[in-house]
Structures are given as C-alpha cells and as structure tokens.
Amino acid sequence: GLADVAIPAERVRDPRELREPGLGLGRDPVRTPMPWDGGAQAGFSTAEPWLPLNADWTQRNVAAQAGDPSSMLALHRTLLALRRRHPALSVGSLALIEADEDVLAYERREGSERLLVVLNMGGQARRLMLPGDSRIEDVLASTLPLRAMDGTLRPDEGLILKMRGAN
C-alpha cells in the first residue's frame, strides 16, 4: 500500500488538524493524490495537487503495479474476484476459529462451500491450526507468494483456503 505522507504545517487542509495542530488527528496524510503513473504529478492532475505526493510515487504507482503479480494492486484484484466468485465471502455465515497468538482465523460458509481465512498479524511464523477434521482443498489467495503448505503461517501472511471435511 501507500505510506502516509508527512504534511508540512503550511499545507494542512484537514479541519480537525487545523483546529488542533500537532496532535496528528487530521486525515490529510492518507488523502494524498493517487499516484496513477510515474509522470508529472503522478498522472493525478495537470496542476500541482493541494497535498504533496508520496516520496516514492515514481516507483510505487498504479502503472508500476499493474504488471506485477505480487503487487498490492494484484492482491486487491484477486480478493475482489474471489468475493464475486465465492458467495461464502459476501453472504455466508461467519464463525471465529480459535488460533495461535497474533493470528485471526475465521470460517465463512455458504451452502456446502467452506472457506477459512487466516491472518498472521505478528512478526513470527505461527502454526496453522485447522478446525476439527478439516483438510485444505485449495489455497485461493495469499498475501505473500504462494508456496507449498507446510502447516505454518509466515509473518504478516494472510491466506484464504478452500476447505473440505465434515467440520
């Protein structure tokens, strides 16, 4: 994703930050122009934007990510496509699953479809604990490059798994 941008005091536009300066309560750092490409003004405008561009906009922009299968843009496209293809992700039931520390796990079900979403929020690898007699049928998405499942979640990894089994 894009990093927040430090906004110099003279360029602050957020009403809350203007009323209470220096507390970091304003939203300007996350409202900076979308960097569409590496060209002038990041392809956002022909005029100078009222908020500054991110420092790395010439490298981190939509055009640069469009051809990169490991980019944040590609991940978002994958997740949106999965949501359209798998009703369990949009209208299915949701059940939290007990998991290791720093791991959020939940199951989404719709009809006979079972999907397990596991997110390792920590900086250390964690065991992947499957509910009951469940087995992984397929890895539908990963926030990191796909690899053979070895029973662990890598640091900062998220997975969407298609499950089989009675549980």
N, C-alpha and C. Protein backbone atom coordinates (compact mmCIF):
# COMPACT_ATOMS: atom_id res chain seq x y z
N GLY A 1 0.81 -1.18 0.00
CA GLY A 1 0.00 0.00 0.00
C GLY A 1 0.86 1.25 0.00
N LEU A 2 0.19 2.34 0.06
CA LEU A 2 0.87 3.63 0.08
C LEU A 2 1.12 4.06 1.52
N ALA A 3 2.26 4.65 1.74
CA ALA A 3 2.59 5.16 3.07
C ALA A 3 1.94 6.52 3.29
N ASP A 4 1.66 6.82 4.55
CA ASP A 4 1.17 8.16 4.88
C ASP A 4 2.26 9.17 4.52
N VAL A 5 1.84 10.37 4.16
CA VAL A 5 2.76 11.43 3.78
C VAL A 5 2.78 12.48 4.89
N ALA A 6 3.97 12.88 5.29
CA ALA A 6 4.09 13.97 6.27
C ALA A 6 3.65 15.26 5.59
N ILE A 7 2.70 15.93 6.20
CA ILE A 7 2.15 17.16 5.62
C ILE A 7 2.75 18.35 6.37
N PRO A 8 3.48 19.21 5.65
CA PRO A 8 4.01 20.42 6.30
C PRO A 8 2.87 21.28 6.83
N ALA A 9 3.09 21.94 7.94
CA ALA A 9 2.04 22.73 8.60
C ALA A 9 1.35 23.70 7.65
N GLU A 10 2.11 24.31 6.76
CA GLU A 10 1.51 25.31 5.85
C GLU A 10 0.62 24.68 4.77
N ARG A 11 0.67 23.34 4.61
CA ARG A 11 -0.16 22.68 3.60
C ARG A 11 -1.32 21.89 4.20
N VAL A 12 -1.45 21.90 5.52
CA VAL A 12 -2.55 21.19 6.17
C VAL A 12 -3.88 21.78 5.74
N ARG A 13 -4.84 20.91 5.40
CA ARG A 13 -6.17 21.34 5.00
C ARG A 13 -7.27 20.71 5.85
N ASP A 14 -6.94 19.65 6.56
CA ASP A 14 -7.94 18.94 7.36
C ASP A 14 -8.46 19.84 8.48
N PRO A 15 -9.79 20.02 8.59
CA PRO A 15 -10.34 20.93 9.61
C PRO A 15 -9.94 20.58 11.04
N ARG A 16 -9.93 19.30 11.36
CA ARG A 16 -9.58 18.92 12.74
C ARG A 16 -8.12 19.23 13.05
N GLU A 17 -7.24 18.94 12.10
CA GLU A 17 -5.82 19.23 12.32
C GLU A 17 -5.59 20.75 12.38
N LEU A 18 -6.37 21.51 11.62
CA LEU A 18 -6.25 22.97 11.69
C LEU A 18 -6.70 23.49 13.05
N ARG A 19 -7.75 22.87 13.62
CA ARG A 19 -8.24 23.30 14.94
C ARG A 19 -7.32 22.87 16.08
N GLU A 20 -6.75 21.65 15.94
CA GLU A 20 -5.89 21.09 16.99
C GLU A 20 -4.56 20.67 16.39
N PRO A 21 -3.74 21.62 15.97
CA PRO A 21 -2.49 21.29 15.26
C PRO A 21 -1.50 20.51 16.12
N GLY A 22 -0.76 19.65 15.43
CA GLY A 22 0.32 18.92 16.07
C GLY A 22 -0.08 17.64 16.79
N LEU A 23 -1.37 17.35 16.87
CA LEU A 23 -1.81 16.14 17.57
C LEU A 23 -1.93 14.94 16.63
N GLY A 24 -1.81 15.17 15.34
CA GLY A 24 -1.91 14.06 14.39
C GLY A 24 -3.31 13.52 14.23
N LEU A 25 -4.32 14.35 14.46
CA LEU A 25 -5.71 13.89 14.39
C LEU A 25 -6.31 14.05 13.00
N GLY A 26 -5.64 14.80 12.14
CA GLY A 26 -6.16 15.04 10.80
C GLY A 26 -5.98 13.84 9.88
N ARG A 27 -6.71 13.85 8.78
CA ARG A 27 -6.67 12.74 7.82
C ARG A 27 -5.88 13.09 6.55
N ASP A 28 -5.32 14.28 6.47
CA ASP A 28 -4.56 14.67 5.28
C ASP A 28 -3.48 13.66 4.88
N PRO A 29 -2.72 13.07 5.82
CA PRO A 29 -1.66 12.14 5.40
C PRO A 29 -2.15 10.95 4.58
N VAL A 30 -3.42 10.59 4.71
CA VAL A 30 -3.95 9.46 3.93
C VAL A 30 -4.83 9.93 2.77
N ARG A 31 -4.92 11.23 2.57
CA ARG A 31 -5.73 11.79 1.48
C ARG A 31 -4.88 12.35 0.35
N THR A 32 -3.65 11.96 0.30
CA THR A 32 -2.77 12.49 -0.74
C THR A 32 -3.18 11.95 -2.11
N PRO A 33 -2.75 12.59 -3.17
CA PRO A 33 -3.18 12.18 -4.51
C PRO A 33 -2.81 10.74 -4.85
N MET A 34 -3.71 10.08 -5.54
CA MET A 34 -3.45 8.72 -6.01
C MET A 34 -2.39 8.77 -7.10
N PRO A 35 -1.28 8.07 -6.92
CA PRO A 35 -0.24 8.06 -7.95
C PRO A 35 -0.58 7.06 -9.06
N TRP A 36 -1.09 7.54 -10.16
CA TRP A 36 -1.51 6.67 -11.26
C TRP A 36 -0.33 6.20 -12.09
N ASP A 37 0.69 7.06 -12.24
CA ASP A 37 1.86 6.68 -13.02
C ASP A 37 3.08 7.46 -12.54
N GLY A 38 4.21 7.26 -13.19
CA GLY A 38 5.44 7.93 -12.80
C GLY A 38 5.65 9.27 -13.47
N GLY A 39 4.65 9.76 -14.20
CA GLY A 39 4.77 11.02 -14.92
C GLY A 39 4.53 12.24 -14.03
N ALA A 40 4.40 13.39 -14.69
CA ALA A 40 4.18 14.65 -13.98
C ALA A 40 2.96 14.55 -13.08
N GLN A 41 3.11 15.02 -11.86
CA GLN A 41 2.04 15.00 -10.85
C GLN A 41 1.42 13.60 -10.68
N ALA A 42 2.20 12.59 -10.99
CA ALA A 42 1.79 11.18 -10.82
C ALA A 42 0.57 10.81 -11.66
N GLY A 43 0.31 11.59 -12.71
CA GLY A 43 -0.86 11.31 -13.54
C GLY A 43 -2.17 11.66 -12.87
N PHE A 44 -2.10 12.30 -11.72
CA PHE A 44 -3.29 12.66 -10.94
C PHE A 44 -3.95 13.93 -11.47
N SER A 45 -3.13 14.88 -11.88
CA SER A 45 -3.64 16.18 -12.30
C SER A 45 -2.59 16.88 -13.16
N THR A 46 -3.02 17.83 -13.95
CA THR A 46 -2.06 18.65 -14.69
C THR A 46 -1.59 19.83 -13.84
N ALA A 47 -2.32 20.11 -12.76
CA ALA A 47 -1.94 21.18 -11.84
C ALA A 47 -1.24 20.57 -10.62
N GLU A 48 -0.61 21.41 -9.82
CA GLU A 48 0.01 20.91 -8.59
C GLU A 48 -1.10 20.54 -7.60
N PRO A 49 -1.09 19.32 -7.08
CA PRO A 49 -2.12 18.92 -6.11
C PRO A 49 -2.00 19.74 -4.82
N TRP A 50 -3.10 19.90 -4.11
CA TRP A 50 -3.09 20.69 -2.89
C TRP A 50 -2.41 19.97 -1.73
N LEU A 51 -2.25 18.64 -1.83
CA LEU A 51 -1.45 17.89 -0.86
C LEU A 51 -0.26 17.29 -1.59
N PRO A 52 0.86 17.10 -0.91
CA PRO A 52 2.05 16.57 -1.58
C PRO A 52 1.91 15.10 -1.96
N LEU A 53 2.68 14.71 -2.95
CA LEU A 53 2.74 13.31 -3.37
C LEU A 53 3.65 12.53 -2.43
N ASN A 54 3.42 11.23 -2.37
CA ASN A 54 4.29 10.34 -1.61
C ASN A 54 5.69 10.41 -2.22
N ALA A 55 6.73 10.27 -1.40
CA ALA A 55 8.11 10.41 -1.86
C ALA A 55 8.49 9.40 -2.94
N ASP A 56 7.90 8.22 -2.91
CA ASP A 56 8.28 7.17 -3.87
C ASP A 56 7.24 6.98 -4.99
N TRP A 57 6.48 8.01 -5.30
CA TRP A 57 5.41 7.88 -6.29
C TRP A 57 5.90 7.50 -7.68
N THR A 58 7.16 7.81 -8.01
CA THR A 58 7.65 7.44 -9.35
C THR A 58 7.84 5.93 -9.48
N GLN A 59 8.05 5.24 -8.36
CA GLN A 59 8.20 3.78 -8.39
C GLN A 59 6.92 3.07 -7.92
N ARG A 60 6.23 3.64 -6.95
CA ARG A 60 5.05 3.00 -6.37
C ARG A 60 3.80 3.71 -6.87
N ASN A 61 3.26 3.19 -7.96
CA ASN A 61 2.07 3.79 -8.56
C ASN A 61 1.28 2.69 -9.27
N VAL A 62 0.09 3.02 -9.71
CA VAL A 62 -0.79 2.02 -10.33
C VAL A 62 -0.15 1.41 -11.56
N ALA A 63 0.43 2.22 -12.42
CA ALA A 63 1.04 1.69 -13.66
C ALA A 63 2.16 0.70 -13.35
N ALA A 64 2.98 1.01 -12.34
CA ALA A 64 4.08 0.11 -11.98
C ALA A 64 3.56 -1.19 -11.39
N GLN A 65 2.46 -1.12 -10.64
CA GLN A 65 1.92 -2.32 -10.01
C GLN A 65 1.07 -3.16 -10.97
N ALA A 66 0.58 -2.55 -12.03
CA ALA A 66 -0.34 -3.26 -12.94
C ALA A 66 0.29 -4.52 -13.53
N GLY A 67 1.58 -4.51 -13.79
CA GLY A 67 2.22 -5.67 -14.38
C GLY A 67 2.93 -6.57 -13.38
N ASP A 68 2.77 -6.30 -12.09
CA ASP A 68 3.47 -7.06 -11.05
C ASP A 68 2.50 -7.98 -10.32
N PRO A 69 2.58 -9.30 -10.54
CA PRO A 69 1.63 -10.22 -9.91
C PRO A 69 1.75 -10.29 -8.38
N SER A 70 2.83 -9.75 -7.82
CA SER A 70 2.97 -9.76 -6.36
C SER A 70 2.64 -8.40 -5.73
N SER A 71 2.08 -7.48 -6.51
CA SER A 71 1.81 -6.14 -6.00
C SER A 71 0.53 -6.10 -5.16
N MET A 72 0.38 -5.02 -4.41
CA MET A 72 -0.83 -4.79 -3.63
C MET A 72 -2.04 -4.66 -4.56
N LEU A 73 -1.86 -4.04 -5.72
CA LEU A 73 -2.94 -3.93 -6.69
C LEU A 73 -3.40 -5.31 -7.15
N ALA A 74 -2.47 -6.20 -7.46
CA ALA A 74 -2.82 -7.56 -7.88
C ALA A 74 -3.54 -8.30 -6.76
N LEU A 75 -3.09 -8.13 -5.53
CA LEU A 75 -3.76 -8.77 -4.40
C LEU A 75 -5.20 -8.28 -4.27
N HIS A 76 -5.41 -6.97 -4.36
CA HIS A 76 -6.77 -6.44 -4.28
C HIS A 76 -7.65 -6.97 -5.41
N ARG A 77 -7.11 -7.04 -6.60
CA ARG A 77 -7.89 -7.58 -7.72
C ARG A 77 -8.25 -9.04 -7.48
N THR A 78 -7.30 -9.81 -6.95
CA THR A 78 -7.55 -11.22 -6.63
C THR A 78 -8.65 -11.34 -5.58
N LEU A 79 -8.56 -10.53 -4.52
CA LEU A 79 -9.55 -10.60 -3.45
C LEU A 79 -10.94 -10.19 -3.93
N LEU A 80 -11.02 -9.17 -4.78
CA LEU A 80 -12.31 -8.76 -5.33
C LEU A 80 -12.91 -9.85 -6.21
N ALA A 81 -12.07 -10.48 -7.03
CA ALA A 81 -12.55 -11.57 -7.89
C ALA A 81 -13.03 -12.75 -7.05
N LEU A 82 -12.31 -13.08 -5.98
CA LEU A 82 -12.73 -14.17 -5.09
C LEU A 82 -14.08 -13.86 -4.46
N ARG A 83 -14.26 -12.64 -4.04
CA ARG A 83 -15.54 -12.25 -3.41
C ARG A 83 -16.70 -12.40 -4.40
N ARG A 84 -16.45 -12.10 -5.66
CA ARG A 84 -17.51 -12.27 -6.68
C ARG A 84 -17.79 -13.74 -6.96
N ARG A 85 -16.74 -14.58 -6.97
CA ARG A 85 -16.88 -16.00 -7.31
C ARG A 85 -17.36 -16.88 -6.17
N HIS A 86 -17.12 -16.46 -4.94
CA HIS A 86 -17.42 -17.31 -3.79
C HIS A 86 -18.43 -16.61 -2.87
N PRO A 87 -19.70 -17.01 -2.98
CA PRO A 87 -20.73 -16.38 -2.14
C PRO A 87 -20.44 -16.45 -0.64
N ALA A 88 -19.68 -17.46 -0.21
CA ALA A 88 -19.36 -17.56 1.22
C ALA A 88 -18.65 -16.30 1.72
N LEU A 89 -17.92 -15.61 0.86
CA LEU A 89 -17.18 -14.42 1.27
C LEU A 89 -18.06 -13.18 1.37
N SER A 90 -19.22 -13.20 0.73
CA SER A 90 -20.05 -12.00 0.76
C SER A 90 -21.35 -12.18 1.53
N VAL A 91 -21.97 -13.36 1.46
CA VAL A 91 -23.25 -13.56 2.14
C VAL A 91 -23.23 -14.73 3.11
N GLY A 92 -22.13 -15.43 3.19
CA GLY A 92 -22.05 -16.61 4.05
C GLY A 92 -21.99 -16.29 5.53
N SER A 93 -22.18 -17.33 6.33
CA SER A 93 -22.06 -17.18 7.77
C SER A 93 -20.59 -16.98 8.14
N LEU A 94 -20.38 -16.44 9.33
CA LEU A 94 -19.02 -16.19 9.80
C LEU A 94 -18.88 -16.79 11.19
N ALA A 95 -17.82 -17.57 11.39
CA ALA A 95 -17.53 -18.15 12.70
C ALA A 95 -16.05 -17.95 13.01
N LEU A 96 -15.77 -17.36 14.16
CA LEU A 96 -14.38 -17.20 14.58
C LEU A 96 -13.82 -18.56 14.97
N ILE A 97 -12.53 -18.77 14.67
CA ILE A 97 -11.84 -20.03 14.94
C ILE A 97 -10.73 -19.75 15.95
N GLU A 98 -10.59 -20.61 16.96
CA GLU A 98 -9.50 -20.46 17.92
C GLU A 98 -8.17 -20.61 17.19
N ALA A 99 -7.24 -19.72 17.51
CA ALA A 99 -5.95 -19.71 16.80
C ALA A 99 -4.83 -19.29 17.73
N ASP A 100 -3.60 -19.49 17.26
CA ASP A 100 -2.41 -19.06 18.00
C ASP A 100 -2.42 -17.55 18.22
N GLU A 101 -1.57 -17.12 19.13
CA GLU A 101 -1.38 -15.70 19.39
C GLU A 101 -1.02 -14.98 18.09
N ASP A 102 -1.53 -13.78 17.92
CA ASP A 102 -1.29 -12.93 16.75
C ASP A 102 -1.98 -13.42 15.49
N VAL A 103 -2.81 -14.45 15.57
CA VAL A 103 -3.49 -14.98 14.39
C VAL A 103 -4.99 -14.76 14.54
N LEU A 104 -5.59 -14.18 13.50
CA LEU A 104 -7.04 -14.08 13.40
C LEU A 104 -7.48 -15.12 12.39
N ALA A 105 -8.40 -15.98 12.80
CA ALA A 105 -8.89 -17.03 11.90
C ALA A 105 -10.41 -17.06 11.97
N TYR A 106 -11.03 -17.17 10.81
CA TYR A 106 -12.48 -17.32 10.78
C TYR A 106 -12.88 -18.11 9.55
N GLU A 107 -14.05 -18.75 9.68
CA GLU A 107 -14.58 -19.56 8.59
C GLU A 107 -15.80 -18.88 8.03
N ARG A 108 -15.89 -18.87 6.71
CA ARG A 108 -17.08 -18.37 6.01
C ARG A 108 -17.72 -19.56 5.31
N ARG A 109 -19.04 -19.71 5.47
CA ARG A 109 -19.78 -20.83 4.86
C ARG A 109 -20.99 -20.31 4.12
N GLU A 110 -21.24 -20.95 3.00
CA GLU A 110 -22.47 -20.71 2.25
C GLU A 110 -22.78 -22.01 1.52
N GLY A 111 -23.91 -22.63 1.85
CA GLY A 111 -24.23 -23.94 1.27
C GLY A 111 -23.16 -24.93 1.68
N SER A 112 -22.63 -25.65 0.71
CA SER A 112 -21.59 -26.64 1.01
C SER A 112 -20.17 -26.04 0.95
N GLU A 113 -20.07 -24.78 0.60
CA GLU A 113 -18.75 -24.16 0.48
C GLU A 113 -18.25 -23.69 1.85
N ARG A 114 -17.01 -24.06 2.14
CA ARG A 114 -16.33 -23.65 3.39
C ARG A 114 -15.01 -23.00 3.04
N LEU A 115 -14.84 -21.77 3.49
CA LEU A 115 -13.58 -21.06 3.28
C LEU A 115 -13.02 -20.65 4.64
N LEU A 116 -11.73 -20.85 4.81
CA LEU A 116 -11.05 -20.46 6.04
C LEU A 116 -10.13 -19.29 5.71
N VAL A 117 -10.29 -18.20 6.46
CA VAL A 117 -9.44 -17.03 6.31
C VAL A 117 -8.55 -16.97 7.55
N VAL A 118 -7.24 -16.96 7.33
CA VAL A 118 -6.28 -16.91 8.45
C VAL A 118 -5.30 -15.76 8.20
N LEU A 119 -5.10 -14.94 9.22
CA LEU A 119 -4.26 -13.76 9.10
C LEU A 119 -3.26 -13.74 10.25
N ASN A 120 -1.99 -13.83 9.94
CA ASN A 120 -0.94 -13.74 10.95
C ASN A 120 -0.56 -12.27 11.07
N MET A 121 -0.97 -11.65 12.15
CA MET A 121 -0.72 -10.23 12.36
C MET A 121 0.64 -9.96 13.00
N GLY A 122 1.37 -11.01 13.31
CA GLY A 122 2.63 -10.87 14.03
C GLY A 122 3.85 -10.98 13.15
N GLY A 123 4.98 -10.77 13.77
CA GLY A 123 6.25 -10.81 13.07
C GLY A 123 6.97 -12.15 13.14
N GLN A 124 6.28 -13.18 13.66
CA GLN A 124 6.87 -14.51 13.74
C GLN A 124 5.95 -15.52 13.08
N ALA A 125 6.54 -16.59 12.54
CA ALA A 125 5.74 -17.66 11.95
C ALA A 125 4.86 -18.29 13.04
N ARG A 126 3.68 -18.71 12.65
CA ARG A 126 2.73 -19.34 13.58
C ARG A 126 2.19 -20.62 12.96
N ARG A 127 1.80 -21.55 13.82
CA ARG A 127 1.19 -22.79 13.34
C ARG A 127 -0.18 -22.50 12.74
N LEU A 128 -0.48 -23.19 11.66
CA LEU A 128 -1.80 -23.11 11.05
C LEU A 128 -2.63 -24.22 11.66
N MET A 129 -3.62 -23.83 12.46
CA MET A 129 -4.46 -24.81 13.14
C MET A 129 -5.78 -24.93 12.39
N LEU A 130 -6.07 -26.13 11.89
CA LEU A 130 -7.30 -26.36 11.15
C LEU A 130 -8.38 -26.88 12.10
N PRO A 131 -9.61 -26.42 11.93
CA PRO A 131 -10.68 -26.87 12.81
C PRO A 131 -11.07 -28.32 12.54
N GLY A 132 -11.25 -29.10 13.62
CA GLY A 132 -11.75 -30.47 13.53
C GLY A 132 -10.98 -31.34 12.56
N ASP A 133 -11.73 -32.05 11.71
CA ASP A 133 -11.10 -32.95 10.73
C ASP A 133 -10.95 -32.27 9.37
N SER A 134 -10.90 -30.96 9.36
CA SER A 134 -10.81 -30.20 8.11
C SER A 134 -9.50 -30.48 7.37
N ARG A 135 -9.58 -30.38 6.07
CA ARG A 135 -8.40 -30.50 5.20
C ARG A 135 -8.45 -29.37 4.19
N ILE A 136 -7.27 -28.91 3.80
CA ILE A 136 -7.19 -27.86 2.78
C ILE A 136 -7.39 -28.49 1.41
N GLU A 137 -8.37 -27.98 0.69
CA GLU A 137 -8.60 -28.42 -0.68
C GLU A 137 -7.81 -27.57 -1.66
N ASP A 138 -7.74 -26.26 -1.37
CA ASP A 138 -7.05 -25.35 -2.30
C ASP A 138 -6.68 -24.06 -1.56
N VAL A 139 -5.57 -23.45 -1.97
CA VAL A 139 -5.20 -22.12 -1.49
C VAL A 139 -5.72 -21.14 -2.53
N LEU A 140 -6.74 -20.36 -2.15
CA LEU A 140 -7.35 -19.43 -3.10
C LEU A 140 -6.59 -18.11 -3.19
N ALA A 141 -5.99 -17.68 -2.09
CA ALA A 141 -5.25 -16.41 -2.11
C ALA A 141 -4.25 -16.40 -0.97
N SER A 142 -3.17 -15.66 -1.20
CA SER A 142 -2.14 -15.43 -0.19
C SER A 142 -1.64 -14.01 -0.34
N THR A 143 -1.34 -13.39 0.80
CA THR A 143 -0.77 -12.05 0.75
C THR A 143 0.71 -12.09 0.39
N LEU A 144 1.30 -13.27 0.44
CA LEU A 144 2.70 -13.48 0.08
C LEU A 144 2.75 -14.47 -1.08
N PRO A 145 3.87 -14.58 -1.77
CA PRO A 145 3.94 -15.54 -2.88
C PRO A 145 3.51 -16.93 -2.44
N LEU A 146 2.70 -17.57 -3.28
CA LEU A 146 2.21 -18.91 -2.95
C LEU A 146 3.36 -19.89 -2.84
N ARG A 147 3.18 -20.84 -1.96
CA ARG A 147 4.18 -21.87 -1.75
C ARG A 147 3.45 -23.11 -1.25
N ALA A 148 4.18 -24.22 -1.14
CA ALA A 148 3.58 -25.45 -0.62
C ALA A 148 3.18 -25.22 0.84
N MET A 149 2.00 -25.69 1.21
CA MET A 149 1.53 -25.55 2.58
C MET A 149 2.32 -26.49 3.48
N ASP A 150 2.97 -25.93 4.49
CA ASP A 150 3.76 -26.75 5.41
C ASP A 150 3.24 -26.67 6.84
N GLY A 151 2.03 -26.16 7.00
CA GLY A 151 1.44 -26.08 8.34
C GLY A 151 1.78 -24.82 9.10
N THR A 152 2.45 -23.86 8.44
CA THR A 152 2.78 -22.62 9.13
C THR A 152 2.25 -21.42 8.35
N LEU A 153 2.03 -20.36 9.10
CA LEU A 153 1.73 -19.05 8.52
C LEU A 153 2.98 -18.21 8.69
N ARG A 154 3.45 -17.64 7.61
CA ARG A 154 4.63 -16.78 7.68
C ARG A 154 4.26 -15.46 8.35
N PRO A 155 5.26 -14.72 8.84
CA PRO A 155 4.97 -13.42 9.43
C PRO A 155 4.20 -12.52 8.46
N ASP A 156 3.17 -11.87 8.97
CA ASP A 156 2.35 -10.93 8.19
C ASP A 156 1.67 -11.59 6.99
N GLU A 157 1.43 -12.87 7.05
CA GLU A 157 0.79 -13.58 5.94
C GLU A 157 -0.70 -13.74 6.20
N GLY A 158 -1.46 -13.64 5.13
CA GLY A 158 -2.88 -13.94 5.17
C GLY A 158 -3.19 -14.94 4.08
N LEU A 159 -4.09 -15.87 4.37
CA LEU A 159 -4.49 -16.90 3.40
C LEU A 159 -6.00 -17.02 3.37
N ILE A 160 -6.52 -17.33 2.19
CA ILE A 160 -7.91 -17.77 2.05
C ILE A 160 -7.83 -19.19 1.52
N LEU A 161 -8.38 -20.12 2.29
CA LEU A 161 -8.27 -21.54 1.99
C LEU A 161 -9.64 -22.14 1.74
N LYS A 162 -9.75 -22.93 0.69
CA LYS A 162 -10.96 -23.70 0.45
C LYS A 162 -10.81 -25.00 1.22
N MET A 163 -11.81 -25.32 2.04
CA MET A 163 -11.70 -26.45 2.95
C MET A 163 -12.62 -27.59 2.53
N ARG A 164 -12.26 -28.79 3.00
CA ARG A 164 -13.15 -29.94 2.89
C ARG A 164 -13.10 -30.67 4.23
N GLY A 165 -14.10 -31.47 4.48
CA GLY A 165 -14.20 -32.17 5.76
C GLY A 165 -15.52 -31.85 6.41
N ALA A 166 -15.89 -32.65 7.38
CA ALA A 166 -17.21 -32.55 7.99
C ALA A 166 -17.37 -31.36 8.93
N ASN A 167 -16.30 -30.84 9.43
CA ASN A 167 -16.42 -29.80 10.45
C ASN A 167 -17.09 -28.56 9.97
